[in-house]
Amino acid sequence: MIHTYNYASVSIALRELKDLGFEYDFNKNEEEFKTNPHDFEIVHIYRYEGDSSADDEATVYGIKSKSGKKGVFVSGYNANSHSDAARFLIGLTIKSRKGL
């Protein structure tokens, strides 16, 4: 079962993931999972839905590598947020892991 949550803000989701050991910033290092997507999986998904418009929505992904590196990637829903890295997330295997 995938861990999916809705939160009042992106910062709350990031703080909770950090408490779980997800500290690496994949937004700054997106080439890692773009070049080797088979080495990564999404284990947590946090959705933020703004009150005013769909442009306020975002998703925070908790990503784990086969080597044990844990990090986050934040993707918004506005037109400017559809980066190559965000599209590569679709190709990652989504699995649930116990004991994260």
C-alpha atoms as a PDB file:
ATOM      1  CA  MET A   1       0.000   0.000   0.000  1.00  0.00           C
ATOM      2  CA  ILE A   2       1.355   3.426  -0.971  1.00  0.00           C
ATOM      3  CA  HIS A   3       1.513   6.099   1.691  1.00  0.00           C
ATOM      4  CA  THR A   4      -0.554   9.055   0.396  1.00  0.00           C
ATOM      5  CA  TYR A   5      -1.477  12.039   2.552  1.00  0.00           C
ATOM      6  CA  ASN A   6      -3.140  15.438   2.177  1.00  0.00           C
ATOM      7  CA  TYR A   7      -1.582  18.331   4.092  1.00  0.00           C
ATOM      8  CA  ALA A   8      -2.309  21.992   4.783  1.00  0.00           C
ATOM      9  CA  SER A   9       1.057  23.044   3.352  1.00  0.00           C
ATOM     10  CA  VAL A  10       4.069  21.756   1.466  1.00  0.00           C
ATOM     11  CA  SER A  11       6.334  22.737   4.367  1.00  0.00           C
ATOM     12  CA  ILE A  12       4.448  20.415   6.736  1.00  0.00           C
ATOM     13  CA  ALA A  13       4.878  17.516   4.292  1.00  0.00           C
ATOM     14  CA  LEU A  14       8.585  18.291   3.891  1.00  0.00           C
ATOM     15  CA  ARG A  15       9.056  18.449   7.659  1.00  0.00           C
ATOM     16  CA  GLU A  16       7.349  15.079   8.161  1.00  0.00           C
ATOM     17  CA  LEU A  17       9.425  13.461   5.428  1.00  0.00           C
ATOM     18  CA  LYS A  18      12.586  14.924   6.927  1.00  0.00           C
ATOM     19  CA  ASP A  19      11.622  13.338  10.260  1.00  0.00           C
ATOM     20  CA  LEU A  20      11.437  10.022   8.362  1.00  0.00           C
ATOM     21  CA  GLY A  21      14.955  10.520   6.982  1.00  0.00           C
ATOM     22  CA  PHE A  22      14.049  11.951   3.549  1.00  0.00           C
ATOM     23  CA  GLU A  23      16.584  14.790   3.464  1.00  0.00           C
ATOM     24  CA  TYR A  24      18.167  14.658  -0.010  1.00  0.00           C
ATOM     25  CA  ASP A  25      16.861  17.294  -2.474  1.00  0.00           C
ATOM     26  CA  PHE A  26      16.032  15.631  -5.779  1.00  0.00           C
ATOM     27  CA  ASN A  27      14.835  18.955  -7.220  1.00  0.00           C
ATOM     28  CA  LYS A  28      18.467  20.097  -7.138  1.00  0.00           C
ATOM     29  CA  ASN A  29      19.776  16.672  -8.195  1.00  0.00           C
ATOM     30  CA  GLU A  30      17.105  15.426 -10.587  1.00  0.00           C
ATOM     31  CA  GLU A  31      19.616  13.922 -13.032  1.00  0.00           C
ATOM     32  CA  GLU A  32      20.104  11.018 -10.626  1.00  0.00           C
ATOM     33  CA  PHE A  33      16.635   9.594 -11.112  1.00  0.00           C
ATOM     34  CA  LYS A  34      16.268  10.827 -14.676  1.00  0.00           C
ATOM     35  CA  THR A  35      19.284   8.798 -15.807  1.00  0.00           C
ATOM     36  CA  ASN A  36      18.604   5.731 -13.638  1.00  0.00           C
ATOM     37  CA  PRO A  37      14.841   5.616 -12.889  1.00  0.00           C
ATOM     38  CA  HIS A  38      14.969   1.855 -12.257  1.00  0.00           C
ATOM     39  CA  ASP A  39      17.159   2.529  -9.196  1.00  0.00           C
ATOM     40  CA  PHE A  40      14.455   4.606  -7.454  1.00  0.00           C
ATOM     41  CA  GLU A  41      10.938   4.224  -6.146  1.00  0.00           C
ATOM     42  CA  ILE A  42       8.301   6.559  -4.778  1.00  0.00           C
ATOM     43  CA  VAL A  43       7.364   5.486  -1.259  1.00  0.00           C
ATOM     44  CA  HIS A  44       5.398   8.512  -0.028  1.00  0.00           C
ATOM     45  CA  ILE A  45       3.149  10.989  -1.804  1.00  0.00           C
ATOM     46  CA  TYR A  46       1.973  14.159  -0.060  1.00  0.00           C
ATOM     47  CA  ARG A  47      -0.601  16.315  -1.825  1.00  0.00           C
ATOM     48  CA  TYR A  48      -1.284  19.943  -1.079  1.00  0.00           C
ATOM     49  CA  GLU A  49      -4.449  21.474  -2.465  1.00  0.00           C
ATOM     50  CA  GLY A  50      -4.768  25.232  -2.176  1.00  0.00           C
ATOM     51  CA  ASP A  51      -8.041  26.926  -1.323  1.00  0.00           C
ATOM     52  CA  SER A  52      -8.066  29.472  -4.123  1.00  0.00           C
ATOM     53  CA  SER A  53      -7.166  27.684  -7.369  1.00  0.00           C
ATOM     54  CA  ALA A  54      -5.673  24.587  -8.937  1.00  0.00           C
ATOM     55  CA  ASP A  55      -2.453  26.553  -9.502  1.00  0.00           C
ATOM     56  CA  ASP A  56      -1.863  26.330  -5.743  1.00  0.00           C
ATOM     57  CA  GLU A  57      -1.700  22.531  -5.805  1.00  0.00           C
ATOM     58  CA  ALA A  58       1.548  20.628  -5.352  1.00  0.00           C
ATOM     59  CA  THR A  59       2.798  17.118  -4.738  1.00  0.00           C
ATOM     60  CA  VAL A  60       5.741  16.195  -2.528  1.00  0.00           C
ATOM     61  CA  TYR A  61       7.284  12.823  -3.350  1.00  0.00           C
ATOM     62  CA  GLY A  62       9.314  10.779  -0.865  1.00  0.00           C
ATOM     63  CA  ILE A  63      11.799   8.910  -3.046  1.00  0.00           C
ATOM     64  CA  LYS A  64      14.131   6.118  -2.025  1.00  0.00           C
ATOM     65  CA  SER A  65      17.007   4.644  -4.015  1.00  0.00           C
ATOM     66  CA  LYS A  66      18.019   1.000  -4.073  1.00  0.00           C
ATOM     67  CA  SER A  67      21.182   2.049  -2.221  1.00  0.00           C
ATOM     68  CA  GLY A  68      19.077   3.539   0.602  1.00  0.00           C
ATOM     69  CA  LYS A  69      19.305   7.272  -0.223  1.00  0.00           C
ATOM     70  CA  LYS A  70      16.084   9.011   0.826  1.00  0.00           C
ATOM     71  CA  GLY A  71      15.013  12.330  -0.614  1.00  0.00           C
ATOM     72  CA  VAL A  72      12.170  14.527  -1.775  1.00  0.00           C
ATOM     73  CA  PHE A  73      10.951  16.018  -5.030  1.00  0.00           C
ATOM     74  CA  VAL A  74       8.314  18.774  -5.100  1.00  0.00           C
ATOM     75  CA  SER A  75       6.176  19.209  -8.206  1.00  0.00           C
ATOM     76  CA  GLY A  76       3.524  21.882  -8.699  1.00  0.00           C
ATOM     77  CA  TYR A  77       0.507  21.709 -10.969  1.00  0.00           C
ATOM     78  CA  ASN A  78       0.841  24.997 -12.817  1.00  0.00           C
ATOM     79  CA  ALA A  79       1.987  25.134 -16.443  1.00  0.00           C
ATOM     80  CA  ASN A  80       5.588  25.916 -15.482  1.00  0.00           C
ATOM     81  CA  SER A  81       5.944  22.909 -13.197  1.00  0.00           C
ATOM     82  CA  HIS A  82       5.965  20.184 -15.837  1.00  0.00           C
ATOM     83  CA  SER A  83       9.715  19.702 -16.008  1.00  0.00           C
ATOM     84  CA  ASP A  84      11.425  16.702 -17.513  1.00  0.00           C
ATOM     85  CA  ALA A  85      12.094  15.463 -13.977  1.00  0.00           C
ATOM     86  CA  ALA A  86       8.398  15.624 -13.067  1.00  0.00           C
ATOM     87  CA  ARG A  87       7.598  13.529 -16.139  1.00  0.00           C
ATOM     88  CA  PHE A  88      10.245  10.985 -15.152  1.00  0.00           C
ATOM     89  CA  LEU A  89       8.499  10.467 -11.822  1.00  0.00           C
ATOM     90  CA  ILE A  90       5.720   8.728 -13.725  1.00  0.00           C
ATOM     91  CA  GLY A  91       8.219   6.048 -14.707  1.00  0.00           C
ATOM     92  CA  LEU A  92       9.314   5.315 -11.162  1.00  0.00           C
ATOM     93  CA  THR A  93       7.937   2.251  -9.452  1.00  0.00           C
ATOM     94  CA  ILE A  94       5.508   3.146  -6.684  1.00  0.00           C
ATOM     95  CA  LYS A  95       5.812   0.703  -3.840  1.00  0.00           C
ATOM     96  CA  SER A  96       4.984   0.643  -0.198  1.00  0.00           C
ATOM     97  CA  ARG A  97       7.766  -0.274   2.213  1.00  0.00           C
ATOM     98  CA  LYS A  98       7.441  -1.042   5.895  1.00  0.00           C
ATOM     99  CA  GLY A  99       9.941   0.367   8.323  1.00  0.00           C
ATOM    100  CA  LEU A 100      10.852   3.580   6.471  1.00  0.00           C
END
